[in-house]
PDB file of N, CA and C in Angstrom:
ATOM      1  N   MET A   1     195.702  -9.132 -84.570  1.00  0.00           N
ATOM      2  CA  MET A   1     195.391  -7.887 -84.453  1.00  0.00           C
ATOM      3  C   MET A   1     195.027  -7.455 -83.159  1.00  0.00           C
ATOM      4  N   PRO A   2     196.330  -6.117 -82.437  1.00  0.00           N
ATOM      5  CA  PRO A   2     196.828  -5.821 -81.332  1.00  0.00           C
ATOM      6  C   PRO A   2     194.816  -5.333 -80.614  1.00  0.00           C
ATOM      7  N   SER A   3     195.493  -5.547 -79.900  1.00  0.00           N
ATOM      8  CA  SER A   3     193.843  -5.158 -78.508  1.00  0.00           C
ATOM      9  C   SER A   3     194.335  -3.684 -78.861  1.00  0.00           C
ATOM     10  N   ARG A   4     193.196  -2.619 -78.527  1.00  0.00           N
ATOM     11  CA  ARG A   4     193.274  -0.911 -78.317  1.00  0.00           C
ATOM     12  C   ARG A   4     194.174  -0.445 -77.559  1.00  0.00           C
ATOM     13  N   LYS A   5     194.474  -1.535 -76.261  1.00  0.00           N
ATOM     14  CA  LYS A   5     194.951  -0.646 -75.172  1.00  0.00           C
ATOM     15  C   LYS A   5     196.612  -0.847 -75.907  1.00  0.00           C
ATOM     16  N   GLU A   6     196.790  -1.940 -76.438  1.00  0.00           N
ATOM     17  CA  GLU A   6     198.249  -2.351 -76.689  1.00  0.00           C
ATOM     18  C   GLU A   6     198.786  -0.909 -77.232  1.00  0.00           C
ATOM     19  N   TYR A   7     198.183  -0.268 -78.100  1.00  0.00           N
ATOM     20  CA  TYR A   7     198.097   1.136 -79.099  1.00  0.00           C
ATOM     21  C   TYR A   7     198.223   2.167 -78.114  1.00  0.00           C
ATOM     22  N   LEU A   8     197.603   2.634 -77.191  1.00  0.00           N
ATOM     23  CA  LEU A   8     197.575   3.397 -76.335  1.00  0.00           C
ATOM     24  C   LEU A   8     199.160   2.930 -75.345  1.00  0.00           C
ATOM     25  N   TYR A   9     198.675   2.044 -75.078  1.00  0.00           N
ATOM     26  CA  TYR A   9     200.408   1.727 -74.338  1.00  0.00           C
ATOM     27  C   TYR A   9     201.688   1.626 -74.497  1.00  0.00           C
ATOM     28  N   ALA A  10     202.039   1.665 -75.835  1.00  0.00           N
ATOM     29  CA  ALA A  10     203.546   1.934 -76.741  1.00  0.00           C
ATOM     30  C   ALA A  10     204.301   2.411 -75.777  1.00  0.00           C
ATOM     31  N   GLU A  11     205.316   1.626 -75.902  1.00  0.00           N
ATOM     32  CA  GLU A  11     206.854   2.335 -75.363  1.00  0.00           C
ATOM     33  C   GLU A  11     207.090   2.955 -76.489  1.00  0.00           C
ATOM     34  N   ILE A  12     208.090   4.095 -75.521  1.00  0.00           N
ATOM     35  CA  ILE A  12     208.104   4.925 -77.035  1.00  0.00           C
ATOM     36  C   ILE A  12     209.980   5.227 -75.918  1.00  0.00           C
ATOM     37  N   SER A  13     210.884   5.525 -77.412  1.00  0.00           N
ATOM     38  CA  SER A  13     212.144   5.174 -76.875  1.00  0.00           C
ATOM     39  C   SER A  13     212.742   6.495 -76.554  1.00  0.00           C
ATOM     40  N   LEU A  14     213.328   7.310 -75.653  1.00  0.00           N
ATOM     41  CA  LEU A  14     214.205   8.346 -75.123  1.00  0.00           C
ATOM     42  C   LEU A  14     215.179   8.474 -75.121  1.00  0.00           C
ATOM     43  N   ASP A  15     216.014   9.487 -75.186  1.00  0.00           N
ATOM     44  CA  ASP A  15     217.097   9.562 -74.799  1.00  0.00           C
ATOM     45  C   ASP A  15     217.146   9.959 -73.335  1.00  0.00           C
ATOM     46  N   PRO A  16     217.676   9.606 -72.355  1.00  0.00           N
ATOM     47  CA  PRO A  16     218.139  10.035 -71.514  1.00  0.00           C
ATOM     48  C   PRO A  16     218.710  11.848 -70.996  1.00  0.00           C
ATOM     49  N   GLU A  17     219.373  11.697 -71.957  1.00  0.00           N
ATOM     50  CA  GLU A  17     219.971  13.339 -72.121  1.00  0.00           C
ATOM     51  C   GLU A  17     218.428  14.555 -72.426  1.00  0.00           C
ATOM     52  N   LEU A  18     217.568  14.091 -73.468  1.00  0.00           N
ATOM     53  CA  LEU A  18     216.504  14.938 -73.816  1.00  0.00           C
ATOM     54  C   LEU A  18     215.296  14.792 -72.355  1.00  0.00           C
ATOM     55  N   ILE A  19     215.856  14.174 -71.811  1.00  0.00           N
ATOM     56  CA  ILE A  19     214.736  14.010 -70.611  1.00  0.00           C
ATOM     57  C   ILE A  19     215.090  14.554 -69.707  1.00  0.00           C
ATOM     58  N   ASP A  20     215.958  14.601 -69.821  1.00  0.00           N
ATOM     59  CA  ASP A  20     216.891  16.059 -68.705  1.00  0.00           C
ATOM     60  C   ASP A  20     216.903  16.864 -69.183  1.00  0.00           C
ATOM     61  N   LYS A  21     217.281  17.118 -69.944  1.00  0.00           N
ATOM     62  CA  LYS A  21     216.859  18.492 -70.328  1.00  0.00           C
ATOM     63  C   LYS A  21     215.952  19.543 -70.615  1.00  0.00           C
ATOM     64  N   PHE A  22     214.818  18.640 -70.631  1.00  0.00           N
ATOM     65  CA  PHE A  22     213.353  18.742 -70.743  1.00  0.00           C
ATOM     66  C   PHE A  22     212.924  20.389 -69.786  1.00  0.00           C
ATOM     67  N   PRO A  23     213.154  20.341 -68.834  1.00  0.00           N
ATOM     68  CA  PRO A  23     212.264  21.160 -67.465  1.00  0.00           C
ATOM     69  C   PRO A  23     212.934  22.807 -67.863  1.00  0.00           C
ATOM     70  N   SER A  24     214.789  22.882 -67.780  1.00  0.00           N
ATOM     71  CA  SER A  24     214.932  23.341 -68.665  1.00  0.00           C
ATOM     72  C   SER A  24     215.206  24.180 -69.872  1.00  0.00           C
ATOM     73  N   GLU A  25     214.035  24.055 -70.776  1.00  0.00           N
ATOM     74  CA  GLU A  25     213.912  24.029 -71.861  1.00  0.00           C
ATOM     75  C   GLU A  25     213.523  25.570 -71.877  1.00  0.00           C
ATOM     76  N   ARG A  26     213.337  26.862 -72.374  1.00  0.00           N
ATOM     77  CA  ARG A  26     212.625  28.070 -72.664  1.00  0.00           C
ATOM     78  C   ARG A  26     211.675  27.736 -73.422  1.00  0.00           C
ATOM     79  N   SER A  27     210.348  28.334 -73.539  1.00  0.00           N
ATOM     80  CA  SER A  27     209.396  28.903 -73.784  1.00  0.00           C
ATOM     81  C   SER A  27     209.665  29.105 -75.143  1.00  0.00           C
ATOM     82  N   ALA A  28     209.126  29.628 -76.192  1.00  0.00           N
ATOM     83  CA  ALA A  28     209.942  30.319 -77.499  1.00  0.00           C
ATOM     84  C   ALA A  28     208.945  32.331 -77.317  1.00  0.00           C
ATOM     85  N   TYR A  29     207.948  31.865 -76.528  1.00  0.00           N
ATOM     86  CA  TYR A  29     207.387  33.073 -75.810  1.00  0.00           C
ATOM     87  C   TYR A  29     208.007  33.547 -74.235  1.00  0.00           C
ATOM     88  N   HIS A  30     208.744  33.573 -73.369  1.00  0.00           N
ATOM     89  CA  HIS A  30     209.388  33.794 -72.569  1.00  0.00           C
ATOM     90  C   HIS A  30     210.682  34.597 -72.455  1.00  0.00           C
ATOM     91  N   GLN A  31     210.778  34.912 -72.260  1.00  0.00           N
ATOM     92  CA  GLN A  31     211.656  36.253 -72.082  1.00  0.00           C
ATOM     93  C   GLN A  31     212.124  36.842 -70.638  1.00  0.00           C
ATOM     94  N   THR A  32     213.412  37.228 -70.863  1.00  0.00           N
ATOM     95  CA  THR A  32     214.138  37.128 -69.674  1.00  0.00           C
ATOM     96  C   THR A  32     214.098  38.632 -68.997  1.00  0.00           C
ATOM     97  N   HIS A  33     214.175  39.173 -67.634  1.00  0.00           N
ATOM     98  CA  HIS A  33     214.220  40.223 -66.966  1.00  0.00           C
ATOM     99  C   HIS A  33     215.099  41.556 -68.354  1.00  0.00           C
ATOM    100  N   LEU A  34     216.416  40.716 -68.533  1.00  0.00           N
ATOM    101  CA  LEU A  34     217.114  41.464 -69.252  1.00  0.00           C
ATOM    102  C   LEU A  34     216.272  41.362 -70.798  1.00  0.00           C
ATOM    103  N   GLU A  35     216.067  40.869 -71.286  1.00  0.00           N
ATOM    104  CA  GLU A  35     215.413  41.126 -72.634  1.00  0.00           C
ATOM    105  C   GLU A  35     213.871  41.891 -72.684  1.00  0.00           C
ATOM    106  N   LYS A  36     213.494  42.086 -71.419  1.00  0.00           N
ATOM    107  CA  LYS A  36     212.292  42.974 -71.122  1.00  0.00           C
ATOM    108  C   LYS A  36     212.471  44.505 -71.153  1.00  0.00           C
ATOM    109  N   GLU A  37     213.906  45.170 -70.294  1.00  0.00           N
ATOM    110  CA  GLU A  37     214.273  45.696 -70.171  1.00  0.00           C
ATOM    111  C   GLU A  37     215.250  46.635 -71.709  1.00  0.00           C
ATOM    112  N   ARG A  38     215.260  45.460 -71.961  1.00  0.00           N
ATOM    113  CA  ARG A  38     216.179  45.618 -73.860  1.00  0.00           C
ATOM    114  C   ARG A  38     214.902  46.512 -74.994  1.00  0.00           C
ATOM    115  N   LYS A  39     213.636  45.842 -74.535  1.00  0.00           N
ATOM    116  CA  LYS A  39     212.859  46.128 -75.734  1.00  0.00           C
ATOM    117  C   LYS A  39     212.323  48.002 -75.004  1.00  0.00           C
ATOM    118  N   SER A  40     211.976  47.673 -73.420  1.00  0.00           N
ATOM    119  CA  SER A  40     212.022  48.770 -72.971  1.00  0.00           C
ATOM    120  C   SER A  40     212.574  49.934 -73.762  1.00  0.00           C
ATOM    121  N   PHE A  41     214.197  49.605 -73.144  1.00  0.00           N
ATOM    122  CA  PHE A  41     214.803  50.459 -73.860  1.00  0.00           C
ATOM    123  C   PHE A  41     214.464  51.386 -74.952  1.00  0.00           C
ATOM    124  N   ASP A  42     214.373  50.004 -75.900  1.00  0.00           N
ATOM    125  CA  ASP A  42     214.204  50.500 -77.489  1.00  0.00           C
ATOM    126  C   ASP A  42     213.249  51.243 -77.866  1.00  0.00           C
ATOM    127  N   ARG A  43     211.831  50.463 -77.452  1.00  0.00           N
ATOM    128  CA  ARG A  43     210.783  51.356 -77.247  1.00  0.00           C
ATOM    129  C   ARG A  43     210.902  53.367 -76.935  1.00  0.00           C
ATOM    130  N   LYS A  44     211.003  53.391 -75.363  1.00  0.00           N
ATOM    131  CA  LYS A  44     211.863  54.796 -75.507  1.00  0.00           C
ATOM    132  C   LYS A  44     212.987  55.492 -76.858  1.00  0.00           C
ATOM    133  N   PHE A  45     214.053  54.809 -76.817  1.00  0.00           N
ATOM    134  CA  PHE A  45     214.718  55.306 -77.948  1.00  0.00           C
ATOM    135  C   PHE A  45     213.545  55.428 -79.063  1.00  0.00           C
ATOM    136  N   ILE A  46     213.501  55.218 -79.936  1.00  0.00           N
ATOM    137  CA  ILE A  46     212.606  54.764 -80.830  1.00  0.00           C
ATOM    138  C   ILE A  46     211.651  56.010 -80.314  1.00  0.00           C
ATOM    139  N   GLY A  47     210.513  56.164 -79.561  1.00  0.00           N
ATOM    140  CA  GLY A  47     210.350  57.103 -79.480  1.00  0.00           C
ATOM    141  C   GLY A  47     211.163  58.711 -79.711  1.00  0.00           C
ATOM    142  N   LYS A  48     211.962  57.804 -78.881  1.00  0.00           N
ATOM    143  CA  LYS A  48     212.782  60.149 -79.076  1.00  0.00           C
ATOM    144  C   LYS A  48     213.166  60.032 -80.234  1.00  0.00           C
ATOM    145  N   LEU A  49     213.541  59.188 -80.860  1.00  0.00           N
ATOM    146  CA  LEU A  49     214.248  60.044 -81.946  1.00  0.00           C
ATOM    147  C   LEU A  49     212.447  60.014 -83.377  1.00  0.00           C
ATOM    148  N   ASN A  50     211.863  59.762 -82.726  1.00  0.00           N
ATOM    149  CA  ASN A  50     210.857  60.070 -83.501  1.00  0.00           C
ATOM    150  C   ASN A  50     210.647  61.404 -83.695  1.00  0.00           C
ATOM    151  N   TRP A  51     210.496  61.705 -81.891  1.00  0.00           N
ATOM    152  CA  TRP A  51     209.878  62.920 -81.635  1.00  0.00           C
ATOM    153  C   TRP A  51     211.328  63.546 -82.551  1.00  0.00           C
ATOM    154  N   HIS A  52     212.531  63.725 -82.031  1.00  0.00           N
ATOM    155  CA  HIS A  52     213.250  65.161 -82.679  1.00  0.00           C
ATOM    156  C   HIS A  52     213.343  65.002 -83.632  1.00  0.00           C
ATOM    157  N   ILE A  53     213.652  63.311 -84.978  1.00  0.00           N
ATOM    158  CA  ILE A  53     213.294  64.197 -86.196  1.00  0.00           C
ATOM    159  C   ILE A  53     212.497  65.096 -86.633  1.00  0.00           C
ATOM    160  N   LYS A  54     210.682  64.452 -85.902  1.00  0.00           N
ATOM    161  CA  LYS A  54     209.148  65.386 -86.809  1.00  0.00           C
ATOM    162  C   LYS A  54     209.825  67.220 -85.561  1.00  0.00           C
ATOM    163  N   ASN A  55     210.837  67.048 -84.234  1.00  0.00           N
ATOM    164  CA  ASN A  55     210.673  68.127 -83.848  1.00  0.00           C
ATOM    165  C   ASN A  55     211.989  69.222 -83.943  1.00  0.00           C
ATOM    166  N   SER A  56     213.287  68.597 -84.815  1.00  0.00           N
ATOM    167  CA  SER A  56     214.333  68.795 -84.124  1.00  0.00           C
ATOM    168  C   SER A  56     214.753  69.890 -85.422  1.00  0.00           C
ATOM    169  N   LEU A  57     214.754  68.817 -86.474  1.00  0.00           N
ATOM    170  CA  LEU A  57     215.256  69.164 -88.093  1.00  0.00           C
ATOM    171  C   LEU A  57     214.784  69.392 -88.381  1.00  0.00           C
ATOM    172  N   SER A  58     215.140  70.032 -89.860  1.00  0.00           N
ATOM    173  CA  SER A  58     214.464  70.927 -90.316  1.00  0.00           C
ATOM    174  C   SER A  58     213.819  70.498 -92.125  1.00  0.00           C
ATOM    175  N   GLU A  59     212.773  70.422 -92.602  1.00  0.00           N
ATOM    176  CA  GLU A  59     212.303  70.193 -93.183  1.00  0.00           C
ATOM    177  C   GLU A  59     212.847  69.317 -94.466  1.00  0.00           C
ATOM    178  N   ARG A  60     213.956  70.149 -94.873  1.00  0.00           N
ATOM    179  CA  ARG A  60     214.813  69.498 -95.859  1.00  0.00           C
ATOM    180  C   ARG A  60     215.624  68.440 -95.152  1.00  0.00           C
ATOM    181  N   GLN A  61     216.443  68.239 -93.491  1.00  0.00           N
ATOM    182  CA  GLN A  61     216.564  67.023 -92.834  1.00  0.00           C
ATOM    183  C   GLN A  61     215.988  66.504 -93.424  1.00  0.00           C
ATOM    184  N   LYS A  62     214.502  66.640 -92.701  1.00  0.00           N
ATOM    185  CA  LYS A  62     212.819  65.413 -92.509  1.00  0.00           C
ATOM    186  C   LYS A  62     212.632  64.878 -93.904  1.00  0.00           C
ATOM    187  N   GLN A  63     213.105  64.914 -94.865  1.00  0.00           N
ATOM    188  CA  GLN A  63     212.519  65.013 -96.536  1.00  0.00           C
ATOM    189  C   GLN A  63     213.875  63.497 -96.860  1.00  0.00           C
ATOM    190  N   VAL A  64     215.416  64.406 -95.967  1.00  0.00           N
ATOM    191  CA  VAL A  64     216.834  63.040 -96.714  1.00  0.00           C
ATOM    192  C   VAL A  64     216.796  62.229 -95.779  1.00  0.00           C
ATOM    193  N   ILE A  65     216.365  62.390 -94.456  1.00  0.00           N
ATOM    194  CA  ILE A  65     216.142  61.327 -93.516  1.00  0.00           C
ATOM    195  C   ILE A  65     214.996  60.222 -93.889  1.00  0.00           C
ATOM    196  N   LYS A  66     213.794  60.204 -94.273  1.00  0.00           N
ATOM    197  CA  LYS A  66     212.683  59.445 -94.086  1.00  0.00           C
ATOM    198  C   LYS A  66     213.468  58.664 -95.757  1.00  0.00           C
ATOM    199  N   LEU A  67     213.353  59.037 -96.627  1.00  0.00           N
ATOM    200  CA  LEU A  67     214.412  58.727 -98.373  1.00  0.00           C
ATOM    201  C   LEU A  67     214.847  57.715 -97.890  1.00  0.00           C
ATOM    202  N   ILE A  68     216.129  57.932 -96.816  1.00  0.00           N
ATOM    203  CA  ILE A  68     217.528  57.106 -96.103  1.00  0.00           C
ATOM    204  C   ILE A  68     216.411  55.876 -96.327  1.00  0.00           C
ATOM    205  N   ILE A  69     215.744  56.286 -95.626  1.00  0.00           N
ATOM    206  CA  ILE A  69     214.883  54.897 -94.268  1.00  0.00           C
ATOM    207  C   ILE A  69     214.443  54.026 -95.185  1.00  0.00           C
ATOM    208  N   GLU A  70     213.904  55.482 -96.176  1.00  0.00           N
ATOM    209  CA  GLU A  70     212.683  54.292 -97.437  1.00  0.00           C
ATOM    210  C   GLU A  70     213.967  53.396 -97.934  1.00  0.00           C
ATOM    211  N   GLY A  71     214.639  53.272 -98.311  1.00  0.00           N
ATOM    212  CA  GLY A  71     216.191  52.422 -98.610  1.00  0.00           C
ATOM    213  C   GLY A  71     216.530  53.408 -99.970  1.00  0.00           C
ATOM    214  N   LEU A  72     216.513  54.438-100.293  1.00  0.00           N
ATOM    215  CA  LEU A  72     217.013  54.930-101.374  1.00  0.00           C
ATOM    216  C   LEU A  72     218.468  55.534-101.379  1.00  0.00           C
ATOM    217  N   THR A  73     219.584  55.509-102.356  1.00  0.00           N
ATOM    218  CA  THR A  73     220.741  56.383-102.461  1.00  0.00           C
ATOM    219  C   THR A  73     220.721  57.888-102.734  1.00  0.00           C
ATOM    220  N   GLU A  74     221.561  58.193-101.687  1.00  0.00           N
ATOM    221  CA  GLU A  74     222.266  59.655-101.749  1.00  0.00           C
ATOM    222  C   GLU A  74     222.026  60.248-103.376  1.00  0.00           C
ATOM    223  N   ARG A  75     222.528  59.015-104.313  1.00  0.00           N
ATOM    224  CA  ARG A  75     222.546  60.011-105.973  1.00  0.00           C
ATOM    225  C   ARG A  75     220.883  59.562-105.647  1.00  0.00           C
ATOM    226  N   GLU A  76     220.045  58.656-106.402  1.00  0.00           N
ATOM    227  CA  GLU A  76     218.843  59.144-106.364  1.00  0.00           C
ATOM    228  C   GLU A  76     217.506  59.824-105.513  1.00  0.00           C
ATOM    229  N   ILE A  77     218.043  60.271-103.512  1.00  0.00           N
ATOM    230  CA  ILE A  77     217.861  61.075-103.519  1.00  0.00           C
ATOM    231  C   ILE A  77     217.786  62.832-104.028  1.00  0.00           C
ATOM    232  N   GLY A  78     219.063  62.472-104.399  1.00  0.00           N
ATOM    233  CA  GLY A  78     219.297  64.282-105.158  1.00  0.00           C
ATOM    234  C   GLY A  78     218.435  64.368-106.173  1.00  0.00           C
ATOM    235  N   ALA A  79     218.729  62.837-107.178  1.00  0.00           N
ATOM    236  CA  ALA A  79     217.503  63.262-108.171  1.00  0.00           C
ATOM    237  C   ALA A  79     216.088  63.718-107.861  1.00  0.00           C
ATOM    238  N   ARG A  80     215.745  62.917-107.372  1.00  0.00           N
ATOM    239  CA  ARG A  80     214.203  63.534-106.625  1.00  0.00           C
ATOM    240  C   ARG A  80     213.684  64.819-106.392  1.00  0.00           C
ATOM    241  N   LEU A  81     214.603  65.098-105.089  1.00  0.00           N
ATOM    242  CA  LEU A  81     214.753  66.781-105.153  1.00  0.00           C
ATOM    243  C   LEU A  81     215.126  67.641-105.413  1.00  0.00           C
ATOM    244  N   GLY A  82     216.026  66.955-106.829  1.00  0.00           N
ATOM    245  CA  GLY A  82     216.453  67.912-107.335  1.00  0.00           C
ATOM    246  C   GLY A  82     217.749  69.335-107.158  1.00  0.00           C
ATOM    247  N   ILE A  83     218.029  67.844-106.288  1.00  0.00           N
ATOM    248  CA  ILE A  83     219.918  68.969-105.485  1.00  0.00           C
ATOM    249  C   ILE A  83     221.133  67.696-105.650  1.00  0.00           C
ATOM    250  N   THR A  84     221.739  67.813-105.823  1.00  0.00           N
ATOM    251  CA  THR A  84     222.933  67.350-105.960  1.00  0.00           C
ATOM    252  C   THR A  84     223.138  65.946-104.670  1.00  0.00           C
ATOM    253  N   GLN A  85     224.495  65.116-105.346  1.00  0.00           N
ATOM    254  CA  GLN A  85     224.408  63.892-103.978  1.00  0.00           C
ATOM    255  C   GLN A  85     224.701  64.581-103.082  1.00  0.00           C
ATOM    256  N   GLN A  86     225.463  65.911-104.168  1.00  0.00           N
ATOM    257  CA  GLN A  86     226.403  65.918-102.433  1.00  0.00           C
ATOM    258  C   GLN A  86     226.033  66.844-100.704  1.00  0.00           C
ATOM    259  N   VAL A  87     225.357  67.925-101.735  1.00  0.00           N
ATOM    260  CA  VAL A  87     224.267  68.531-101.308  1.00  0.00           C
ATOM    261  C   VAL A  87     223.441  67.286 -99.878  1.00  0.00           C
ATOM    262  N   VAL A  88     223.001  66.839-101.151  1.00  0.00           N
ATOM    263  CA  VAL A  88     222.201  65.219 -99.692  1.00  0.00           C
ATOM    264  C   VAL A  88     222.697  64.622 -98.744  1.00  0.00           C
ATOM    265  N   ASN A  89     224.674  64.386 -98.545  1.00  0.00           N
ATOM    266  CA  ASN A  89     225.055  63.963 -98.244  1.00  0.00           C
ATOM    267  C   ASN A  89     225.126  65.505 -97.487  1.00  0.00           C
ATOM    268  N   ILE A  90     225.321  66.615 -97.079  1.00  0.00           N
ATOM    269  CA  ILE A  90     225.727  67.399 -96.099  1.00  0.00           C
ATOM    270  C   ILE A  90     224.334  66.809 -95.958  1.00  0.00           C
ATOM    271  N   TYR A  91     222.852  67.564 -95.861  1.00  0.00           N
ATOM    272  CA  TYR A  91     222.262  66.937 -95.599  1.00  0.00           C
ATOM    273  C   TYR A  91     221.552  66.115 -94.245  1.00  0.00           C
ATOM    274  N   LYS A  92     222.470  64.418 -94.696  1.00  0.00           N
ATOM    275  CA  LYS A  92     222.449  63.912 -93.584  1.00  0.00           C
ATOM    276  C   LYS A  92     222.969  63.566 -92.695  1.00  0.00           C
ATOM    277  N   TRP A  93     224.582  64.166 -93.030  1.00  0.00           N
ATOM    278  CA  TRP A  93     225.906  64.111 -91.660  1.00  0.00           C
ATOM    279  C   TRP A  93     224.910  65.257 -90.896  1.00  0.00           C
ATOM    280  N   ARG A  94     223.773  65.963 -91.106  1.00  0.00           N
ATOM    281  CA  ARG A  94     224.293  67.733 -90.281  1.00  0.00           C
ATOM    282  C   ARG A  94     222.618  66.807 -89.373  1.00  0.00           C
ATOM    283  N   ALA A  95     221.788  66.132 -89.825  1.00  0.00           N
ATOM    284  CA  ALA A  95     221.123  65.827 -89.510  1.00  0.00           C
ATOM    285  C   ALA A  95     221.230  65.004 -87.863  1.00  0.00           C
ATOM    286  N   VAL A  96     221.965  63.605 -88.643  1.00  0.00           N
ATOM    287  CA  VAL A  96     222.783  62.268 -87.855  1.00  0.00           C
ATOM    288  C   VAL A  96     223.351  63.426 -86.815  1.00  0.00           C
ATOM    289  N   LYS A  97     224.375  64.009 -87.009  1.00  0.00           N
ATOM    290  CA  LYS A  97     224.970  65.184 -86.523  1.00  0.00           C
ATOM    291  C   LYS A  97     223.513  65.617 -85.257  1.00  0.00           C
ATOM    292  N   LYS A  98     222.666  66.306 -85.160  1.00  0.00           N
ATOM    293  CA  LYS A  98     221.668  66.864 -84.897  1.00  0.00           C
ATOM    294  C   LYS A  98     221.431  65.743 -83.992  1.00  0.00           C
ATOM    295  N   LEU A  99     220.800  65.002 -84.700  1.00  0.00           N
ATOM    296  CA  LEU A  99     220.072  63.747 -83.626  1.00  0.00           C
ATOM    297  C   LEU A  99     220.864  63.274 -82.464  1.00  0.00           C
ATOM    298  N   ARG A 100     222.144  62.379 -83.284  1.00  0.00           N
ATOM    299  CA  ARG A 100     223.372  62.612 -81.524  1.00  0.00           C
ATOM    300  C   ARG A 100     223.354  63.475 -80.187  1.00  0.00           C
ATOM    301  N   ASP A 101     223.397  64.290 -80.401  1.00  0.00           N
ATOM    302  CA  ASP A 101     223.954  65.486 -80.378  1.00  0.00           C
ATOM    303  C   ASP A 101     222.070  66.095 -78.734  1.00  0.00           C
ATOM    304  N   LYS A 102     220.795  65.643 -79.858  1.00  0.00           N
ATOM    305  CA  LYS A 102     220.114  65.714 -79.100  1.00  0.00           C
ATOM    306  C   LYS A 102     219.534  64.551 -78.069  1.00  0.00           C
ATOM    307  N   ILE A 103     219.708  63.401 -78.948  1.00  0.00           N
ATOM    308  CA  ILE A 103     219.839  62.120 -77.900  1.00  0.00           C
ATOM    309  C   ILE A 103     220.771  61.441 -76.950  1.00  0.00           C
ATOM    310  N   ARG A 104     221.628  62.265 -76.713  1.00  0.00           N
ATOM    311  CA  ARG A 104     222.639  62.494 -75.657  1.00  0.00           C
ATOM    312  C   ARG A 104     222.289  63.039 -74.994  1.00  0.00           C
ATOM    313  N   ALA A 105     221.771  64.927 -75.098  1.00  0.00           N
ATOM    314  CA  ALA A 105     221.501  65.078 -73.768  1.00  0.00           C
ATOM    315  C   ALA A 105     220.444  64.315 -72.874  1.00  0.00           C
TER     316      ALA A 105
END
């Protein structure tokens, strides 16, 4: 039976390429400068978009956008709101145009 010391100092064969790559491996939690800037930009953009959805759209446009975000189709939205699919499409595109214009400004 081997002594305890033999278990503690067992040889492990490693690929030299693996050892060379190890210092350059990034942690899953590490973020580059560009990744941090992108996340900051995304947060600002989403905040601005949410503000304009709340303050720039009509009540019906807000309802339509909210239901689209929930994943409903135009037909389902129309049935829920008591309007036709074409009218839902009009509200959607007017809301998108208004938001696009506000965000670009």
